[in-house]
Amino acid sequence: MTKRDTEYQPLLEGITETKQKIKCPNTSLLLAICAACIGGTFQYGYNISIINSPTKSVQNFINQTWLERYEENISEQYLTLLWSSIVSIFTIGGFIGATIGGTLAIKFGRKGTLMMNNAFALLAALLMGLSYPTGLFELLIIGRFFTGVNAGIGICVQPLYLGEIAPRALRGAMAMGTSIFITGGILTGQVIGLNELLGKEEYWPILLSTTCIPAFLQLLILPWFPESPRYLLIDRGDDVGCGTAMKQLHGTDNFDREREDMERERISAMGIKPKKPWELFMDRSLRWQVLTIILINAAQQLNGINAIYFYTDYVFEEAGIPEVNIPYVTVGTGACECLTALTCGMLIESLGRKVLIIGGYTLMAFWCICFTLTLTFQGAGPWIPYLSMGCVFAFILSFGLGPGGVTNILITELFTQTTRPAAYMIGGSVNWLSFFFIGMAFPFIVTKLQQYCFLVFLVVCVLVAVYIFLVVPETKNKTFLEIQTEFQSGEKRKASKADHSPSTTLLSTPL
């Protein structure tokens, strides 16, 4: 080792030590993420899955209640309408929650909004639990609406909170909590809905009321953790509160670099009020970011993942799995998606956001082709249904590895503090509207195209992958201001510099 190497050795060791500290998140940070997610996106996934198990039980309850009221059985068409209302009103509530979530996050803070949001979950649990003893199936519709509002606010505000409390080097991995807890919620709902637990007919009111449990857990745990430091510093100007929050979340020695990034962003945002969603549409400098979040949020619902889940029972039956065992195999699909969310969390800081989301959509396009072929030739041999099963699991793996995990992170990273809440309102609204649209249109698509419906989803996956490749920059380990700068054209930057530097213009003229 040379003398120069010896002189720089302490410095190199310090850099290595700092990197190691950054790569190992503080325990308080991990617990804060869990506290935010358990009452946030966990509720979204949980309430999507638990409604599937008691379908027949709730329909029997509606029919029995109708008979007691009007002394005649309900018509099949009206029963279908009421059940569809119970299921689909969730998306309407979600849309409303998404449209108000950003505004609430600005007014009451990220943590404050998450705490308040539990009121909707508790009210929903109370209404759905009382529906059976009171004989009022209408309470199910109202309760499901409030679960939707709760999920809409949660899926808007929780990623906002996670993206703002995580250090830059771990922002992607920590923000993966959104996806991990969604898939965890789906899996938990599938397990709780099994006959061995709360899936029996007499337990359905209790099953639907269990949405209160994550709400109580968040109310007990989240108060021990701080508000978003970025919100405290940039939106509220609370230097002391920001420092205290960062010490708790990042440790006493790990937040100087993050604080500098926040200070730069605060200086750039001075005098600028948080923007409304319609103001983002009017801002030409943000048009590519806005277009990006609209496309990726619409694609998250329109990429065929719902079609795959629609076909799972049919594929499993064709593979010879007994009908009584299909719920257990379906739990396997939920576990598969949860596993890929965890895998994405481990890979996102090494591979980057762009590679994962493009790779995910590319693989999904490939499996769309394979699934179309296996469904078309389902009767050609006894081994074909098993290929279809493989396509189901492969498609879910590809979705969880890319679009399912990365979409929400990109919304956080493509915008700065004054525009991020409005961006989440736009992205969340598009996501819920697409969810509602695919729920309404999908049965007609399947009826008309049958297995060829996956060719439509193939086109969606390919187009989104090409758009992201051409337009969206890699955001890994960059500040929010650096990412915003990459979206600005070189000509606009030069023009801006020329406007603000008249002396440079004079010096550049010929002598």
Protein backbone atom coordinates (compact mmCIF):
# COMPACT_ATOMS: atom_id res chain seq x y z
CA MET A 1 0.00 0.00 0.00
CA THR A 2 1.42 3.40 -0.99
CA LYS A 3 1.72 6.40 1.27
CA ARG A 4 -1.17 8.09 -0.62
CA ASP A 5 -3.35 5.00 -0.08
CA THR A 6 -2.48 5.07 3.63
CA GLU A 7 -3.49 8.73 3.89
CA TYR A 8 -6.84 8.14 2.22
CA GLN A 9 -7.62 4.87 4.01
CA PRO A 10 -9.62 6.48 6.87
CA LEU A 11 -11.64 8.44 4.33
CA LEU A 12 -12.40 5.29 2.31
CA GLU A 13 -13.37 3.43 5.45
CA GLY A 14 -15.69 6.27 6.41
CA ILE A 15 -17.36 6.16 3.00
CA THR A 16 -17.78 2.39 3.22
CA GLU A 17 -19.22 2.71 6.72
CA THR A 18 -21.67 5.37 5.54
CA LYS A 19 -22.83 3.17 2.66
CA GLN A 20 -23.38 0.30 5.02
CA LYS A 21 -25.44 2.51 7.29
CA ILE A 22 -27.54 3.68 4.38
CA LYS A 23 -28.13 0.13 3.17
CA CYS A 24 -29.36 -0.98 6.61
CA PRO A 25 -32.57 0.92 7.41
CA ASN A 26 -33.24 2.03 10.95
CA THR A 27 -35.57 -0.25 12.93
CA SER A 28 -37.80 2.73 13.66
CA LEU A 29 -38.13 3.38 9.92
CA LEU A 30 -39.18 -0.21 9.23
CA LEU A 31 -41.73 -0.14 12.05
CA ALA A 32 -43.12 3.21 10.83
CA ILE A 33 -43.63 1.69 7.37
CA CYS A 34 -45.43 -1.32 8.85
CA ALA A 35 -47.61 0.96 10.99
CA ALA A 36 -48.57 3.06 7.96
CA CYS A 37 -49.24 0.08 5.72
CA ILE A 38 -51.31 -2.07 8.08
CA GLY A 39 -54.14 0.47 8.04
CA GLY A 40 -53.41 1.68 4.51
CA THR A 41 -52.91 -0.51 1.46
CA PHE A 42 -53.32 -3.69 3.53
CA GLN A 43 -56.97 -2.67 3.89
CA TYR A 44 -57.22 -2.23 0.11
CA GLY A 45 -56.00 -5.76 -0.62
CA TYR A 46 -57.92 -7.29 2.28
CA ASN A 47 -61.26 -5.81 1.28
CA ILE A 48 -60.79 -6.86 -2.35
CA SER A 49 -60.37 -10.53 -1.39
CA ILE A 50 -62.69 -11.12 1.58
CA ILE A 51 -65.82 -10.27 -0.43
CA ASN A 52 -65.33 -13.33 -2.65
CA SER A 53 -65.74 -16.00 0.04
CA PRO A 54 -69.23 -15.09 1.39
CA THR A 55 -70.84 -14.56 -2.04
CA LYS A 56 -73.48 -17.29 -1.72
CA SER A 57 -74.06 -16.60 1.99
CA VAL A 58 -74.76 -12.90 1.42
CA GLN A 59 -77.04 -13.69 -1.52
CA ASN A 60 -78.99 -16.12 0.67
CA PHE A 61 -79.28 -13.40 3.33
CA ILE A 62 -80.59 -10.90 0.76
CA ASN A 63 -83.13 -13.43 -0.51
CA GLN A 64 -84.27 -14.31 3.02
CA THR A 65 -84.61 -10.63 4.00
CA TRP A 66 -86.57 -9.90 0.81
CA LEU A 67 -88.92 -12.81 1.55
CA GLU A 68 -89.57 -11.57 5.10
CA ARG A 69 -90.24 -8.04 3.89
CA TYR A 70 -92.38 -8.66 0.81
CA GLU A 71 -93.46 -12.31 1.29
CA GLU A 72 -92.00 -13.35 -2.05
CA ASN A 73 -88.61 -14.44 -3.34
CA ILE A 74 -86.43 -11.83 -4.96
CA SER A 75 -86.02 -12.09 -8.72
CA GLU A 76 -82.71 -13.39 -10.01
CA GLN A 77 -82.06 -10.18 -11.95
CA TYR A 78 -82.64 -7.95 -8.91
CA LEU A 79 -80.53 -10.22 -6.69
CA THR A 80 -77.69 -9.97 -9.20
CA LEU A 81 -78.09 -6.19 -9.27
CA LEU A 82 -77.93 -5.91 -5.47
CA TRP A 83 -74.90 -8.17 -5.24
CA SER A 84 -73.15 -6.28 -8.04
CA SER A 85 -73.88 -3.05 -6.16
CA ILE A 86 -72.31 -4.43 -2.98
CA VAL A 87 -69.18 -5.41 -4.89
CA SER A 88 -68.81 -2.44 -7.26
CA ILE A 89 -69.71 0.34 -4.79
CA PHE A 90 -66.24 -0.31 -3.35
CA THR A 91 -64.68 1.21 -6.47
CA ILE A 92 -66.95 4.27 -6.30
CA GLY A 93 -65.90 4.85 -2.70
CA GLY A 94 -62.27 4.31 -3.72
CA PHE A 95 -62.55 6.93 -6.44
CA ILE A 96 -63.99 9.48 -4.00
CA GLY A 97 -61.29 8.65 -1.46
CA ALA A 98 -58.58 9.16 -4.07
CA THR A 99 -59.99 12.55 -5.09
CA ILE A 100 -59.88 13.90 -1.52
CA GLY A 101 -56.79 12.06 -0.24
CA GLY A 102 -54.24 14.55 -1.55
CA THR A 103 -56.13 17.55 -0.17
CA LEU A 104 -56.41 15.92 3.25
CA ALA A 105 -52.68 15.07 3.19
CA ILE A 106 -51.85 18.77 2.63
CA LYS A 107 -54.20 20.04 5.32
CA PHE A 108 -53.76 17.44 8.07
CA GLY A 109 -50.41 15.92 7.14
CA ARG A 110 -49.61 12.44 5.85
CA LYS A 111 -49.68 10.74 9.24
CA GLY A 112 -52.70 12.76 10.41
CA THR A 113 -54.71 11.75 7.35
CA LEU A 114 -53.86 8.07 7.80
CA MET A 115 -55.02 8.26 11.42
CA MET A 116 -58.29 9.98 10.49
CA ASN A 117 -58.88 7.52 7.65
CA ASN A 118 -59.43 4.69 10.14
CA ALA A 119 -62.80 6.22 11.02
CA PHE A 120 -64.15 5.05 7.65
CA ALA A 121 -62.93 1.49 8.24
CA LEU A 122 -64.43 1.34 11.73
CA LEU A 123 -67.75 2.74 10.53
CA ALA A 124 -67.80 0.26 7.63
CA ALA A 125 -67.10 -2.67 9.97
CA LEU A 126 -69.92 -1.56 12.29
CA LEU A 127 -72.45 -1.20 9.46
CA MET A 128 -71.61 -4.53 7.80
CA GLY A 129 -71.64 -6.33 11.15
CA LEU A 130 -75.09 -4.92 11.99
CA SER A 131 -76.61 -5.82 8.62
CA TYR A 132 -77.50 -9.40 9.62
CA PRO A 133 -78.99 -8.81 13.11
CA THR A 134 -80.99 -5.80 11.83
CA GLY A 135 -82.08 -7.50 8.61
CA LEU A 136 -80.93 -4.53 6.51
CA PHE A 137 -78.87 -5.62 3.50
CA GLU A 138 -78.66 -1.94 2.53
CA LEU A 139 -76.09 -1.55 5.32
CA LEU A 140 -73.78 -3.82 3.33
CA ILE A 141 -73.86 -1.41 0.40
CA ILE A 142 -73.15 1.60 2.64
CA GLY A 143 -70.45 -0.29 4.52
CA ARG A 144 -68.69 -1.38 1.33
CA PHE A 145 -68.81 2.22 0.13
CA PHE A 146 -66.96 3.37 3.27
CA THR A 147 -64.38 0.58 2.91
CA GLY A 148 -63.80 1.96 -0.60
CA VAL A 149 -63.34 5.50 0.73
CA ASN A 150 -60.88 4.14 3.29
CA ALA A 151 -58.95 2.23 0.61
CA GLY A 152 -58.96 5.21 -1.77
CA ILE A 153 -57.47 7.56 0.82
CA GLY A 154 -55.03 4.92 2.03
CA ILE A 155 -53.66 4.03 -1.40
CA CYS A 156 -53.22 7.75 -2.12
CA VAL A 157 -51.67 8.97 1.15
CA GLN A 158 -49.72 5.95 2.40
CA PRO A 159 -47.29 5.79 -0.59
CA LEU A 160 -46.87 9.54 -0.18
CA TYR A 161 -45.83 9.03 3.44
CA LEU A 162 -43.50 6.12 2.66
CA GLY A 163 -41.78 7.94 -0.19
CA GLU A 164 -41.13 10.98 1.99
CA ILE A 165 -39.82 9.26 5.13
CA ALA A 166 -37.41 6.89 3.33
CA PRO A 167 -33.78 7.90 2.62
CA ARG A 168 -32.93 8.39 -1.05
CA ALA A 169 -30.81 5.21 -1.31
CA LEU A 170 -33.64 3.09 0.11
CA ARG A 171 -36.63 4.96 -1.29
CA GLY A 172 -37.60 2.26 -3.76
CA ALA A 173 -37.22 -0.65 -1.34
CA MET A 174 -39.09 1.11 1.46
CA ALA A 175 -41.88 2.29 -0.86
CA MET A 176 -42.34 -1.36 -1.88
CA GLY A 177 -44.22 -1.65 1.41
CA THR A 178 -47.24 -0.44 -0.55
CA SER A 179 -47.20 -3.43 -2.89
CA ILE A 180 -46.12 -5.93 -0.24
CA PHE A 181 -48.99 -5.02 2.05
CA ILE A 182 -51.56 -4.98 -0.78
CA THR A 183 -50.60 -8.53 -1.71
CA GLY A 184 -50.36 -9.44 1.96
CA GLY A 185 -53.89 -8.12 2.45
CA ILE A 186 -55.18 -10.16 -0.49
CA LEU A 187 -53.50 -13.30 0.83
CA THR A 188 -54.79 -12.72 4.38
CA GLY A 189 -58.33 -12.23 3.07
CA GLN A 190 -58.11 -15.47 1.09
CA VAL A 191 -56.88 -17.40 4.14
CA ILE A 192 -59.42 -15.90 6.57
CA GLY A 193 -62.19 -16.74 4.05
CA LEU A 194 -61.43 -20.47 4.09
CA ASN A 195 -64.10 -22.75 5.61
CA GLU A 196 -61.77 -23.74 8.45
CA LEU A 197 -61.72 -20.10 9.65
CA LEU A 198 -64.49 -17.58 8.86
CA GLY A 199 -65.64 -18.96 5.50
CA LYS A 200 -68.68 -20.80 6.89
CA GLU A 201 -72.08 -19.36 6.09
CA GLU A 202 -72.94 -18.32 9.65
CA TYR A 203 -69.69 -16.38 10.04
CA TRP A 204 -69.98 -13.98 7.10
CA PRO A 205 -71.03 -10.90 9.19
CA ILE A 206 -67.93 -11.43 11.37
CA LEU A 207 -65.76 -11.93 8.29
CA LEU A 208 -66.84 -8.63 6.74
CA SER A 209 -66.42 -6.84 10.09
CA THR A 210 -62.78 -7.91 10.50
CA THR A 211 -61.78 -4.82 8.53
CA CYS A 212 -61.82 -3.07 11.91
CA ILE A 213 -58.79 -5.06 13.13
CA PRO A 214 -56.15 -3.36 10.88
CA ALA A 215 -57.74 0.00 11.73
CA PHE A 216 -57.38 -0.62 15.48
CA LEU A 217 -53.79 -1.78 15.00
CA GLN A 218 -52.85 1.39 13.14
CA LEU A 219 -54.53 3.58 15.75
CA LEU A 220 -52.46 1.86 18.42
CA ILE A 221 -49.09 1.81 16.62
CA LEU A 222 -48.82 4.80 14.23
CA PRO A 223 -49.00 7.55 16.94
CA TRP A 224 -45.57 6.39 18.16
CA PHE A 225 -43.97 7.47 14.87
CA PRO A 226 -43.41 10.97 13.46
CA GLU A 227 -45.01 12.92 10.66
CA SER A 228 -43.23 13.03 7.28
CA PRO A 229 -40.05 15.15 7.71
CA ARG A 230 -40.50 16.62 4.22
CA TYR A 231 -44.03 17.72 5.08
CA LEU A 232 -42.85 19.28 8.35
CA LEU A 233 -39.97 21.19 6.73
CA ILE A 234 -41.34 22.19 3.31
CA ASP A 235 -45.08 22.49 3.95
CA ARG A 236 -45.06 23.58 7.59
CA GLY A 237 -41.63 25.20 7.96
CA ASP A 238 -41.02 23.26 11.17
CA ASP A 239 -37.22 22.89 11.32
CA VAL A 240 -37.19 21.46 14.84
CA GLY A 241 -39.94 18.95 14.13
CA CYS A 242 -38.21 17.87 10.92
CA GLY A 243 -34.92 17.27 12.74
CA THR A 244 -36.62 15.29 15.52
CA ALA A 245 -38.50 13.16 12.98
CA MET A 246 -35.35 12.44 10.97
CA LYS A 247 -33.40 11.44 14.08
CA GLN A 248 -36.10 8.92 14.94
CA LEU A 249 -36.47 7.55 11.40
CA HIS A 250 -32.85 7.64 10.15
CA GLY A 251 -30.73 7.60 13.30
CA THR A 252 -28.55 10.40 14.63
CA ASP A 253 -25.83 10.25 11.96
CA ASN A 254 -27.55 9.25 8.76
CA PHE A 255 -29.72 12.15 7.71
CA ASP A 256 -27.39 15.07 6.85
CA ARG A 257 -27.50 14.28 3.13
CA GLU A 258 -31.28 13.90 3.18
CA ARG A 259 -31.66 17.17 5.05
CA GLU A 260 -29.59 18.96 2.39
CA ASP A 261 -31.85 17.56 -0.35
CA MET A 262 -34.90 18.79 1.55
CA GLU A 263 -33.38 22.25 2.00
CA ARG A 264 -32.77 22.53 -1.75
CA GLU A 265 -36.33 21.47 -2.44
CA ARG A 266 -37.66 23.92 0.15
CA ILE A 267 -35.73 26.78 -1.47
CA SER A 268 -37.05 25.83 -4.91
CA ALA A 269 -40.62 25.66 -3.54
CA MET A 270 -40.56 28.99 -1.66
CA GLY A 271 -43.64 31.04 -2.41
CA ILE A 272 -45.27 28.18 -4.31
CA LYS A 273 -48.48 26.77 -2.88
CA PRO A 274 -49.34 23.06 -3.26
CA LYS A 275 -50.96 22.63 -6.65
CA LYS A 276 -54.42 21.32 -7.39
CA PRO A 277 -54.92 18.42 -9.84
CA TRP A 278 -56.28 20.68 -12.59
CA GLU A 279 -53.23 22.95 -12.22
CA LEU A 280 -50.97 20.01 -13.07
CA PHE A 281 -52.84 19.56 -16.35
CA MET A 282 -52.30 23.25 -17.15
CA ASP A 283 -48.57 23.20 -16.36
CA ARG A 284 -46.72 22.44 -19.61
CA SER A 285 -43.50 21.62 -17.74
CA LEU A 286 -45.27 18.67 -16.07
CA ARG A 287 -47.17 17.29 -19.05
CA TRP A 288 -44.94 14.22 -19.52
CA GLN A 289 -45.04 13.36 -15.82
CA VAL A 290 -48.84 13.71 -15.75
CA LEU A 291 -49.24 11.65 -18.92
CA THR A 292 -46.95 9.00 -17.45
CA ILE A 293 -48.90 8.55 -14.22
CA ILE A 294 -52.20 8.42 -16.13
CA LEU A 295 -50.90 5.68 -18.44
CA ILE A 296 -49.21 3.52 -15.80
CA ASN A 297 -52.19 3.71 -13.43
CA ALA A 298 -54.69 2.85 -16.17
CA ALA A 299 -52.44 0.03 -17.36
CA GLN A 300 -52.18 -1.40 -13.85
CA GLN A 301 -55.87 -2.33 -14.07
CA LEU A 302 -56.12 -2.92 -17.84
CA ASN A 303 -53.07 -5.17 -18.27
CA GLY A 304 -54.96 -8.45 -17.84
CA ILE A 305 -54.31 -9.28 -14.17
CA ASN A 306 -58.06 -9.22 -13.48
CA ALA A 307 -58.66 -11.52 -16.45
CA ILE A 308 -56.12 -13.99 -15.11
CA TYR A 309 -57.89 -14.17 -11.76
CA PHE A 310 -61.23 -14.52 -13.59
CA TYR A 311 -59.94 -17.60 -15.41
CA THR A 312 -58.22 -19.29 -12.46
CA ASP A 313 -61.21 -21.41 -11.34
CA TYR A 314 -61.81 -22.61 -14.90
CA VAL A 315 -58.14 -23.47 -15.43
CA PHE A 316 -57.90 -25.32 -12.11
CA GLU A 317 -61.07 -27.31 -12.86
CA GLU A 318 -59.72 -28.30 -16.26
CA ALA A 319 -56.50 -29.44 -14.63
CA GLY A 320 -58.53 -31.91 -12.58
CA ILE A 321 -58.38 -30.13 -9.22
CA PRO A 322 -61.53 -30.95 -7.17
CA GLU A 323 -63.87 -28.00 -6.70
CA VAL A 324 -63.54 -28.16 -2.90
CA ASN A 325 -59.77 -27.73 -3.19
CA ILE A 326 -59.82 -24.77 -5.60
CA PRO A 327 -59.96 -22.14 -2.78
CA TYR A 328 -56.70 -23.55 -1.41
CA VAL A 329 -55.01 -23.35 -4.83
CA THR A 330 -56.32 -19.79 -5.15
CA VAL A 331 -54.55 -19.01 -1.88
CA GLY A 332 -51.43 -20.18 -3.71
CA THR A 333 -51.91 -17.44 -6.31
CA GLY A 334 -52.11 -14.87 -3.52
CA ALA A 335 -48.95 -16.26 -1.94
CA CYS A 336 -47.27 -16.15 -5.35
CA GLU A 337 -48.05 -12.44 -5.79
CA CYS A 338 -46.93 -11.66 -2.25
CA LEU A 339 -43.64 -13.47 -2.86
CA THR A 340 -42.94 -11.47 -6.02
CA ALA A 341 -43.65 -8.20 -4.19
CA LEU A 342 -40.99 -9.14 -1.63
CA THR A 343 -38.61 -10.12 -4.45
CA CYS A 344 -39.22 -6.80 -6.21
CA GLY A 345 -38.41 -4.98 -2.96
CA MET A 346 -35.03 -6.71 -2.80
CA LEU A 347 -34.18 -6.06 -6.47
CA ILE A 348 -35.47 -2.55 -7.02
CA GLU A 349 -32.42 -0.70 -5.65
CA SER A 350 -29.97 -2.85 -7.63
CA LEU A 351 -31.81 -3.20 -10.97
CA GLY A 352 -33.72 0.09 -10.86
CA ARG A 353 -37.36 0.99 -11.48
CA LYS A 354 -37.23 1.15 -15.27
CA VAL A 355 -35.76 -2.32 -15.79
CA LEU A 356 -38.30 -3.95 -13.49
CA ILE A 357 -41.42 -2.31 -14.89
CA ILE A 358 -40.40 -2.77 -18.54
CA GLY A 359 -39.35 -6.35 -17.84
CA GLY A 360 -42.61 -7.03 -16.02
CA TYR A 361 -44.78 -5.75 -18.87
CA THR A 362 -42.67 -7.60 -21.45
CA LEU A 363 -43.03 -10.89 -19.61
CA MET A 364 -46.77 -10.30 -19.17
CA ALA A 365 -47.11 -9.78 -22.94
CA PHE A 366 -45.29 -13.07 -23.53
CA TRP A 367 -47.54 -14.96 -21.10
CA CYS A 368 -50.63 -13.44 -22.74
CA ILE A 369 -49.59 -15.18 -25.97
CA CYS A 370 -48.89 -18.47 -24.17
CA PHE A 371 -52.16 -18.36 -22.21
CA THR A 372 -54.18 -17.67 -25.36
CA LEU A 373 -52.60 -20.71 -27.02
CA THR A 374 -53.12 -23.04 -24.08
CA LEU A 375 -56.76 -21.99 -23.66
CA THR A 376 -57.36 -22.41 -27.40
CA PHE A 377 -55.98 -25.95 -27.41
CA GLN A 378 -57.16 -26.86 -23.90
CA GLY A 379 -58.60 -30.19 -25.07
CA ALA A 380 -55.67 -31.22 -27.26
CA GLY A 381 -54.05 -33.26 -24.51
CA PRO A 382 -54.27 -33.99 -20.77
CA TRP A 383 -51.10 -32.00 -20.11
CA ILE A 384 -52.35 -28.71 -21.67
CA PRO A 385 -54.36 -27.59 -18.59
CA TYR A 386 -51.17 -27.84 -16.53
CA LEU A 387 -49.47 -25.48 -18.98
CA SER A 388 -52.39 -23.10 -18.43
CA MET A 389 -51.81 -23.32 -14.68
CA GLY A 390 -48.16 -22.48 -15.27
CA CYS A 391 -49.16 -19.45 -17.34
CA VAL A 392 -51.46 -18.24 -14.53
CA PHE A 393 -48.67 -18.32 -11.94
CA ALA A 394 -46.08 -16.92 -14.38
CA PHE A 395 -48.34 -13.98 -15.29
CA ILE A 396 -48.96 -13.19 -11.61
CA LEU A 397 -45.23 -13.40 -10.90
CA SER A 398 -44.47 -11.02 -13.78
CA PHE A 399 -47.12 -8.54 -12.60
CA GLY A 400 -45.86 -8.52 -9.01
CA LEU A 401 -42.24 -8.20 -10.10
CA GLY A 402 -42.88 -5.12 -12.27
CA PRO A 403 -46.13 -3.11 -12.59
CA GLY A 404 -47.60 -4.25 -9.29
CA GLY A 405 -44.60 -3.04 -7.32
CA VAL A 406 -43.09 -0.11 -9.20
CA THR A 407 -46.12 1.95 -10.28
CA ASN A 408 -46.75 3.72 -6.96
CA ILE A 409 -43.04 4.40 -6.46
CA LEU A 410 -42.83 6.23 -9.79
CA ILE A 411 -45.67 8.57 -8.79
CA THR A 412 -43.69 9.54 -5.68
CA GLU A 413 -40.46 10.10 -7.58
CA LEU A 414 -41.69 11.94 -10.69
CA PHE A 415 -43.02 14.90 -8.68
CA THR A 416 -41.79 17.35 -6.06
CA GLN A 417 -43.37 18.33 -2.74
CA THR A 418 -45.78 20.95 -4.11
CA THR A 419 -47.12 18.72 -6.90
CA ARG A 420 -46.95 15.21 -5.39
CA PRO A 421 -50.31 15.17 -3.50
CA ALA A 422 -52.17 16.34 -6.62
CA ALA A 423 -50.31 13.73 -8.68
CA TYR A 424 -51.50 11.00 -6.32
CA MET A 425 -55.05 12.30 -6.62
CA ILE A 426 -54.84 12.06 -10.42
CA GLY A 427 -53.13 8.67 -10.40
CA GLY A 428 -55.48 7.24 -7.78
CA SER A 429 -58.58 8.52 -9.58
CA VAL A 430 -57.43 6.99 -12.87
CA ASN A 431 -56.64 3.72 -11.11
CA TRP A 432 -60.09 3.47 -9.52
CA LEU A 433 -61.91 4.51 -12.69
CA SER A 434 -59.98 1.86 -14.63
CA PHE A 435 -60.83 -0.66 -11.91
CA PHE A 436 -64.52 0.20 -12.28
CA PHE A 437 -64.33 0.13 -16.08
CA ILE A 438 -62.68 -3.28 -16.27
CA GLY A 439 -65.20 -4.64 -13.76
CA MET A 440 -68.08 -3.47 -15.94
CA ALA A 441 -66.61 -4.18 -19.37
CA PHE A 442 -64.68 -7.37 -18.74
CA PRO A 443 -67.67 -9.78 -18.80
CA PHE A 444 -68.64 -8.43 -22.23
CA ILE A 445 -65.05 -8.67 -23.47
CA VAL A 446 -64.84 -12.30 -22.38
CA THR A 447 -68.24 -13.13 -23.90
CA LYS A 448 -67.29 -11.69 -27.29
CA LEU A 449 -63.61 -12.66 -27.51
CA GLN A 450 -63.40 -15.58 -25.06
CA GLN A 451 -59.75 -16.67 -24.69
CA TYR A 452 -58.68 -14.17 -27.37
CA CYS A 453 -59.36 -11.35 -24.88
CA PHE A 454 -55.74 -11.75 -23.81
CA LEU A 455 -54.63 -10.38 -27.17
CA VAL A 456 -56.19 -7.06 -26.11
CA PHE A 457 -54.15 -7.12 -22.90
CA LEU A 458 -51.08 -8.09 -24.92
CA VAL A 459 -51.38 -4.82 -26.86
CA VAL A 460 -51.75 -2.82 -23.63
CA CYS A 461 -48.63 -4.41 -22.09
CA VAL A 462 -46.50 -3.85 -25.19
CA LEU A 463 -47.55 -0.21 -25.65
CA VAL A 464 -46.88 0.67 -22.01
CA ALA A 465 -43.46 -1.03 -22.05
CA VAL A 466 -42.48 0.92 -25.20
CA TYR A 467 -43.70 4.22 -23.71
CA ILE A 468 -41.73 3.74 -20.48
CA PHE A 469 -38.61 2.78 -22.45
CA LEU A 470 -38.81 5.93 -24.60
CA VAL A 471 -40.06 8.54 -22.11
CA VAL A 472 -39.50 7.68 -18.45
CA PRO A 473 -35.97 8.15 -17.01
CA GLU A 474 -34.43 5.87 -14.41
CA THR A 475 -35.14 7.39 -10.99
CA LYS A 476 -32.99 5.16 -8.78
CA ASN A 477 -30.92 7.06 -6.19
CA LYS A 478 -31.79 10.51 -7.59
CA THR A 479 -33.28 13.47 -5.78
CA PHE A 480 -36.76 14.61 -6.70
CA LEU A 481 -35.31 17.80 -8.20
CA GLU A 482 -32.85 15.81 -10.34
CA ILE A 483 -35.67 13.64 -11.69
CA GLN A 484 -37.78 16.69 -12.49
CA THR A 485 -34.85 18.25 -14.32
CA GLU A 486 -34.49 15.18 -16.55
CA PHE A 487 -38.02 15.73 -17.82
CA GLN A 488 -37.24 19.28 -18.89
CA SER A 489 -36.03 19.73 -22.48
CA GLY A 490 -32.53 21.00 -23.13
CA GLU A 491 -33.86 23.98 -25.06
CA LYS A 492 -36.02 25.11 -22.16
CA ARG A 493 -33.12 24.85 -19.74
CA LYS A 494 -30.91 26.92 -22.06
CA ALA A 495 -33.64 29.50 -22.50
CA SER A 496 -34.13 29.68 -18.75
CA LYS A 497 -30.39 30.17 -18.19
CA ALA A 498 -30.28 32.86 -20.87
CA ASP A 499 -33.21 34.71 -19.27
CA HIS A 500 -31.56 34.67 -15.86
CA SER A 501 -27.99 35.36 -17.03
CA PRO A 502 -27.89 38.48 -19.26
CA SER A 503 -24.13 38.89 -18.73
CA THR A 504 -23.53 35.49 -20.29
CA THR A 505 -25.47 36.56 -23.37
CA LEU A 506 -23.35 39.71 -23.76
CA LEU A 507 -20.12 37.79 -23.45
CA SER A 508 -21.18 35.29 -26.08
CA THR A 509 -21.62 37.92 -28.80
CA PRO A 510 -18.83 38.32 -31.39
CA LEU A 511 -16.25 40.97 -30.48
